[in-house]
Amino acid sequence: MSEVTTNSGEQGSQQNGQTIIVNQVEQASNGVGTAGFVLALLAVFLGWIPVFGWILWVLGLVLSSVGLFKSPKGLAITGFILSVVDLILLLTVFGTIAAMFGLGL
């Protein structure tokens, strides 16, 4: 049986053992970008609801824009693009409706 050195300064024989190095990789996530993507996706499908769809669109655009400054950027970029596409769709639909009422069709 071998003796080991204790913290109190007692001397003993050398300790035999292995050094184990554990390398844990942190999985980075971008919660703000993910939330922006989800809200932008919901806004694409619910954008026709006058107030609710617009609120979803604005929140999706803002959260995706903030998420662009964090890593990883994948869902934040997708949410931002969806928000821009949704803006074009909203302007087209409501512009067409406004033009129809303006022309008396």
N, C-alpha and C. Protein backbone atom coordinates (compact mmCIF):
# COMPACT_ATOMS: atom_id res chain seq x y z
N MET A 1 0.85 -1.16 0.00
CA MET A 1 0.00 0.00 0.00
C MET A 1 0.90 1.23 0.00
N SER A 2 0.54 2.23 -0.79
CA SER A 2 1.39 3.42 -0.87
C SER A 2 0.79 4.54 -0.05
N GLU A 3 1.67 5.39 0.42
CA GLU A 3 1.23 6.53 1.21
C GLU A 3 1.15 7.74 0.31
N VAL A 4 0.31 8.67 0.64
CA VAL A 4 0.14 9.89 -0.15
C VAL A 4 0.44 11.09 0.71
N THR A 5 0.75 12.19 0.09
CA THR A 5 1.00 13.44 0.81
C THR A 5 -0.34 14.08 1.13
N THR A 6 -0.52 14.45 2.35
CA THR A 6 -1.77 15.09 2.75
C THR A 6 -1.58 16.60 2.78
N ASN A 7 -2.67 17.31 2.95
CA ASN A 7 -2.62 18.77 2.97
C ASN A 7 -1.90 19.32 4.19
N SER A 8 -1.76 18.53 5.21
CA SER A 8 -1.14 19.03 6.43
C SER A 8 0.38 19.02 6.34
N GLY A 9 0.93 18.60 5.23
CA GLY A 9 2.36 18.65 5.05
C GLY A 9 3.07 17.35 5.33
N GLU A 10 2.38 16.29 5.69
CA GLU A 10 3.02 15.00 5.92
C GLU A 10 3.52 14.46 4.59
N GLN A 11 4.68 13.84 4.64
CA GLN A 11 5.25 13.32 3.42
C GLN A 11 4.98 11.84 3.31
N GLY A 12 4.81 11.38 2.09
CA GLY A 12 4.61 9.97 1.85
C GLY A 12 5.18 9.63 0.49
N SER A 13 4.86 8.48 0.00
CA SER A 13 5.36 8.11 -1.31
C SER A 13 4.50 8.76 -2.40
N GLN A 14 5.00 8.70 -3.61
CA GLN A 14 4.36 9.38 -4.75
C GLN A 14 3.02 8.73 -5.10
N GLN A 15 2.04 9.56 -5.46
CA GLN A 15 0.69 9.07 -5.79
C GLN A 15 0.65 8.64 -7.25
N ASN A 16 0.10 7.46 -7.51
CA ASN A 16 -0.06 6.97 -8.87
C ASN A 16 -1.48 7.27 -9.33
N GLY A 17 -1.62 7.80 -10.51
CA GLY A 17 -2.96 8.07 -11.01
C GLY A 17 -2.91 8.66 -12.41
N GLN A 18 -4.05 8.87 -12.96
CA GLN A 18 -4.16 9.42 -14.30
C GLN A 18 -4.75 10.82 -14.23
N THR A 19 -4.32 11.64 -15.15
CA THR A 19 -4.93 12.95 -15.31
C THR A 19 -5.95 12.84 -16.43
N ILE A 20 -7.16 13.16 -16.12
CA ILE A 20 -8.24 13.09 -17.11
C ILE A 20 -8.68 14.50 -17.44
N ILE A 21 -8.62 14.82 -18.72
CA ILE A 21 -9.04 16.13 -19.19
C ILE A 21 -10.36 15.96 -19.91
N VAL A 22 -11.36 16.65 -19.44
CA VAL A 22 -12.69 16.58 -20.05
C VAL A 22 -12.91 17.88 -20.80
N ASN A 23 -13.12 17.77 -22.08
CA ASN A 23 -13.35 18.94 -22.92
C ASN A 23 -14.84 18.98 -23.27
N GLN A 24 -15.56 19.86 -22.61
CA GLN A 24 -16.99 20.00 -22.88
C GLN A 24 -17.20 21.20 -23.79
N VAL A 25 -17.87 20.95 -24.89
CA VAL A 25 -18.15 22.02 -25.84
C VAL A 25 -19.52 22.60 -25.51
N GLU A 26 -19.56 23.91 -25.33
CA GLU A 26 -20.84 24.56 -25.08
C GLU A 26 -21.57 24.76 -26.40
N GLN A 27 -22.83 24.41 -26.40
CA GLN A 27 -23.62 24.64 -27.59
C GLN A 27 -24.22 26.02 -27.49
N ALA A 28 -23.77 26.87 -28.38
CA ALA A 28 -24.24 28.25 -28.37
C ALA A 28 -25.64 28.31 -28.97
N SER A 29 -26.46 29.16 -28.40
CA SER A 29 -27.80 29.37 -28.94
C SER A 29 -28.10 30.86 -28.93
N ASN A 30 -28.97 31.24 -29.81
CA ASN A 30 -29.36 32.63 -29.94
C ASN A 30 -30.87 32.70 -29.69
N GLY A 31 -31.25 32.83 -28.43
CA GLY A 31 -32.66 32.83 -28.07
C GLY A 31 -33.43 33.99 -28.66
N VAL A 32 -32.80 35.15 -28.74
CA VAL A 32 -33.47 36.33 -29.30
C VAL A 32 -33.72 36.13 -30.79
N GLY A 33 -32.73 35.60 -31.50
CA GLY A 33 -32.90 35.33 -32.93
C GLY A 33 -33.94 34.27 -33.20
N THR A 34 -33.98 33.25 -32.35
CA THR A 34 -34.98 32.19 -32.49
C THR A 34 -36.38 32.74 -32.24
N ALA A 35 -36.53 33.58 -31.22
CA ALA A 35 -37.84 34.19 -30.94
C ALA A 35 -38.26 35.10 -32.10
N GLY A 36 -37.33 35.84 -32.66
CA GLY A 36 -37.64 36.70 -33.81
C GLY A 36 -38.08 35.88 -35.01
N PHE A 37 -37.42 34.74 -35.24
CA PHE A 37 -37.81 33.87 -36.34
C PHE A 37 -39.22 33.33 -36.15
N VAL A 38 -39.52 32.86 -34.95
CA VAL A 38 -40.85 32.29 -34.67
C VAL A 38 -41.93 33.36 -34.86
N LEU A 39 -41.69 34.55 -34.34
CA LEU A 39 -42.69 35.62 -34.48
C LEU A 39 -42.84 36.06 -35.93
N ALA A 40 -41.74 36.11 -36.67
CA ALA A 40 -41.82 36.47 -38.09
C ALA A 40 -42.58 35.41 -38.88
N LEU A 41 -42.36 34.14 -38.53
CA LEU A 41 -43.08 33.06 -39.20
C LEU A 41 -44.57 33.12 -38.90
N LEU A 42 -44.91 33.38 -37.65
CA LEU A 42 -46.32 33.54 -37.30
C LEU A 42 -46.94 34.74 -38.01
N ALA A 43 -46.17 35.80 -38.17
CA ALA A 43 -46.68 37.01 -38.83
C ALA A 43 -46.97 36.76 -40.30
N VAL A 44 -46.20 35.86 -40.93
CA VAL A 44 -46.46 35.54 -42.34
C VAL A 44 -47.85 34.92 -42.48
N PHE A 45 -48.20 34.05 -41.54
CA PHE A 45 -49.49 33.36 -41.63
C PHE A 45 -50.64 34.15 -41.00
N LEU A 46 -50.34 35.00 -40.02
CA LEU A 46 -51.40 35.73 -39.33
C LEU A 46 -51.35 37.23 -39.61
N GLY A 47 -50.62 37.63 -40.64
CA GLY A 47 -50.48 39.05 -40.96
C GLY A 47 -51.77 39.70 -41.44
N TRP A 48 -52.72 38.91 -41.87
CA TRP A 48 -53.98 39.47 -42.36
C TRP A 48 -54.87 39.95 -41.22
N ILE A 49 -54.60 39.54 -39.99
CA ILE A 49 -55.36 40.04 -38.84
C ILE A 49 -54.83 41.44 -38.53
N PRO A 50 -55.67 42.46 -38.62
CA PRO A 50 -55.17 43.84 -38.61
C PRO A 50 -54.20 44.22 -37.50
N VAL A 51 -54.50 44.09 -36.26
CA VAL A 51 -53.59 44.58 -35.22
C VAL A 51 -52.64 43.47 -34.76
N PHE A 52 -53.15 42.28 -34.56
CA PHE A 52 -52.35 41.16 -34.05
C PHE A 52 -51.20 40.82 -35.00
N GLY A 53 -51.49 40.75 -36.28
CA GLY A 53 -50.47 40.43 -37.28
C GLY A 53 -49.39 41.49 -37.36
N TRP A 54 -49.78 42.76 -37.20
CA TRP A 54 -48.80 43.84 -37.27
C TRP A 54 -47.89 43.82 -36.05
N ILE A 55 -48.46 43.53 -34.89
CA ILE A 55 -47.65 43.44 -33.67
C ILE A 55 -46.65 42.29 -33.79
N LEU A 56 -47.12 41.15 -34.30
CA LEU A 56 -46.21 40.02 -34.51
C LEU A 56 -45.10 40.39 -35.48
N TRP A 57 -45.46 41.09 -36.54
CA TRP A 57 -44.47 41.48 -37.53
C TRP A 57 -43.42 42.41 -36.93
N VAL A 58 -43.85 43.42 -36.19
CA VAL A 58 -42.91 44.38 -35.60
C VAL A 58 -42.01 43.67 -34.59
N LEU A 59 -42.59 42.84 -33.73
CA LEU A 59 -41.77 42.12 -32.75
C LEU A 59 -40.79 41.16 -33.42
N GLY A 60 -41.23 40.49 -34.46
CA GLY A 60 -40.34 39.59 -35.20
C GLY A 60 -39.20 40.34 -35.85
N LEU A 61 -39.50 41.50 -36.42
CA LEU A 61 -38.45 42.32 -37.05
C LEU A 61 -37.45 42.83 -36.02
N VAL A 62 -37.94 43.32 -34.90
CA VAL A 62 -37.06 43.87 -33.87
C VAL A 62 -36.19 42.78 -33.25
N LEU A 63 -36.80 41.66 -32.86
CA LEU A 63 -36.03 40.59 -32.23
C LEU A 63 -35.04 39.95 -33.20
N SER A 64 -35.42 39.81 -34.45
CA SER A 64 -34.49 39.27 -35.44
C SER A 64 -33.33 40.23 -35.67
N SER A 65 -33.61 41.53 -35.68
CA SER A 65 -32.55 42.52 -35.86
C SER A 65 -31.57 42.49 -34.69
N VAL A 66 -32.08 42.36 -33.48
CA VAL A 66 -31.21 42.26 -32.31
C VAL A 66 -30.41 40.95 -32.35
N GLY A 67 -31.04 39.89 -32.80
CA GLY A 67 -30.38 38.59 -32.88
C GLY A 67 -29.27 38.53 -33.91
N LEU A 68 -29.27 39.47 -34.87
CA LEU A 68 -28.20 39.51 -35.87
C LEU A 68 -26.85 39.83 -35.25
N PHE A 69 -26.83 40.43 -34.07
CA PHE A 69 -25.58 40.82 -33.43
C PHE A 69 -25.06 39.75 -32.47
N LYS A 70 -25.74 38.61 -32.41
CA LYS A 70 -25.32 37.51 -31.54
C LYS A 70 -25.00 36.30 -32.42
N SER A 71 -24.32 35.35 -31.83
CA SER A 71 -23.93 34.16 -32.57
C SER A 71 -24.66 32.96 -32.00
N PRO A 72 -25.11 32.01 -32.75
CA PRO A 72 -25.17 31.86 -34.20
C PRO A 72 -26.28 32.72 -34.81
N LYS A 73 -26.11 33.09 -36.06
CA LYS A 73 -26.99 34.07 -36.69
C LYS A 73 -28.02 33.47 -37.63
N GLY A 74 -28.04 32.16 -37.81
CA GLY A 74 -28.88 31.53 -38.83
C GLY A 74 -30.35 31.86 -38.73
N LEU A 75 -30.96 31.60 -37.58
CA LEU A 75 -32.40 31.86 -37.44
C LEU A 75 -32.69 33.35 -37.39
N ALA A 76 -31.76 34.15 -36.90
CA ALA A 76 -31.97 35.60 -36.87
C ALA A 76 -32.01 36.16 -38.29
N ILE A 77 -31.12 35.68 -39.15
CA ILE A 77 -31.12 36.13 -40.56
C ILE A 77 -32.41 35.70 -41.24
N THR A 78 -32.82 34.46 -41.00
CA THR A 78 -34.06 33.95 -41.60
C THR A 78 -35.27 34.74 -41.10
N GLY A 79 -35.31 35.05 -39.81
CA GLY A 79 -36.41 35.84 -39.26
C GLY A 79 -36.44 37.24 -39.83
N PHE A 80 -35.27 37.83 -40.03
CA PHE A 80 -35.21 39.18 -40.61
C PHE A 80 -35.72 39.17 -42.06
N ILE A 81 -35.29 38.18 -42.83
CA ILE A 81 -35.75 38.08 -44.22
C ILE A 81 -37.26 37.83 -44.28
N LEU A 82 -37.76 36.95 -43.40
CA LEU A 82 -39.21 36.71 -43.35
C LEU A 82 -39.97 37.99 -42.98
N SER A 83 -39.41 38.79 -42.08
CA SER A 83 -40.06 40.04 -41.70
C SER A 83 -40.13 41.01 -42.87
N VAL A 84 -39.08 41.08 -43.65
CA VAL A 84 -39.07 41.97 -44.82
C VAL A 84 -40.07 41.48 -45.87
N VAL A 85 -40.10 40.16 -46.10
CA VAL A 85 -41.06 39.60 -47.05
C VAL A 85 -42.49 39.84 -46.56
N ASP A 86 -42.70 39.70 -45.25
CA ASP A 86 -44.02 39.93 -44.68
C ASP A 86 -44.43 41.39 -44.82
N LEU A 87 -43.48 42.30 -44.68
CA LEU A 87 -43.79 43.72 -44.88
C LEU A 87 -44.25 43.97 -46.31
N ILE A 88 -43.57 43.36 -47.27
CA ILE A 88 -43.97 43.52 -48.67
C ILE A 88 -45.37 42.95 -48.90
N LEU A 89 -45.65 41.78 -48.30
CA LEU A 89 -46.98 41.18 -48.43
C LEU A 89 -48.06 42.05 -47.78
N LEU A 90 -47.77 42.58 -46.59
CA LEU A 90 -48.75 43.43 -45.91
C LEU A 90 -49.04 44.70 -46.72
N LEU A 91 -48.00 45.33 -47.23
CA LEU A 91 -48.20 46.54 -48.02
C LEU A 91 -48.95 46.25 -49.31
N THR A 92 -48.67 45.12 -49.92
CA THR A 92 -49.37 44.75 -51.16
C THR A 92 -50.85 44.49 -50.90
N VAL A 93 -51.14 43.68 -49.88
CA VAL A 93 -52.54 43.33 -49.60
C VAL A 93 -53.34 44.56 -49.19
N PHE A 94 -52.83 45.32 -48.23
CA PHE A 94 -53.60 46.47 -47.76
C PHE A 94 -53.59 47.62 -48.75
N GLY A 95 -52.55 47.71 -49.57
CA GLY A 95 -52.55 48.70 -50.65
C GLY A 95 -53.60 48.37 -51.70
N THR A 96 -53.74 47.09 -52.01
CA THR A 96 -54.75 46.65 -52.96
C THR A 96 -56.15 46.90 -52.43
N ILE A 97 -56.36 46.61 -51.15
CA ILE A 97 -57.66 46.86 -50.53
C ILE A 97 -57.97 48.35 -50.52
N ALA A 98 -56.99 49.17 -50.19
CA ALA A 98 -57.19 50.62 -50.16
C ALA A 98 -57.47 51.15 -51.56
N ALA A 99 -56.80 50.61 -52.57
CA ALA A 99 -57.04 51.04 -53.95
C ALA A 99 -58.43 50.64 -54.40
N MET A 100 -58.90 49.47 -53.99
CA MET A 100 -60.24 49.04 -54.39
C MET A 100 -61.31 49.94 -53.79
N PHE A 101 -61.13 50.33 -52.53
CA PHE A 101 -62.11 51.21 -51.91
C PHE A 101 -61.99 52.64 -52.46
N GLY A 102 -60.78 53.01 -52.85
CA GLY A 102 -60.58 54.36 -53.39
C GLY A 102 -61.16 54.52 -54.78
N LEU A 103 -61.16 53.44 -55.57
CA LEU A 103 -61.67 53.50 -56.93
C LEU A 103 -63.16 53.15 -57.00
N GLY A 104 -63.70 52.68 -55.91
CA GLY A 104 -65.12 52.34 -55.89
C GLY A 104 -65.43 51.00 -56.52
N LEU A 105 -64.45 50.11 -56.57
CA LEU A 105 -64.70 48.79 -57.19
C LEU A 105 -65.48 47.89 -56.29
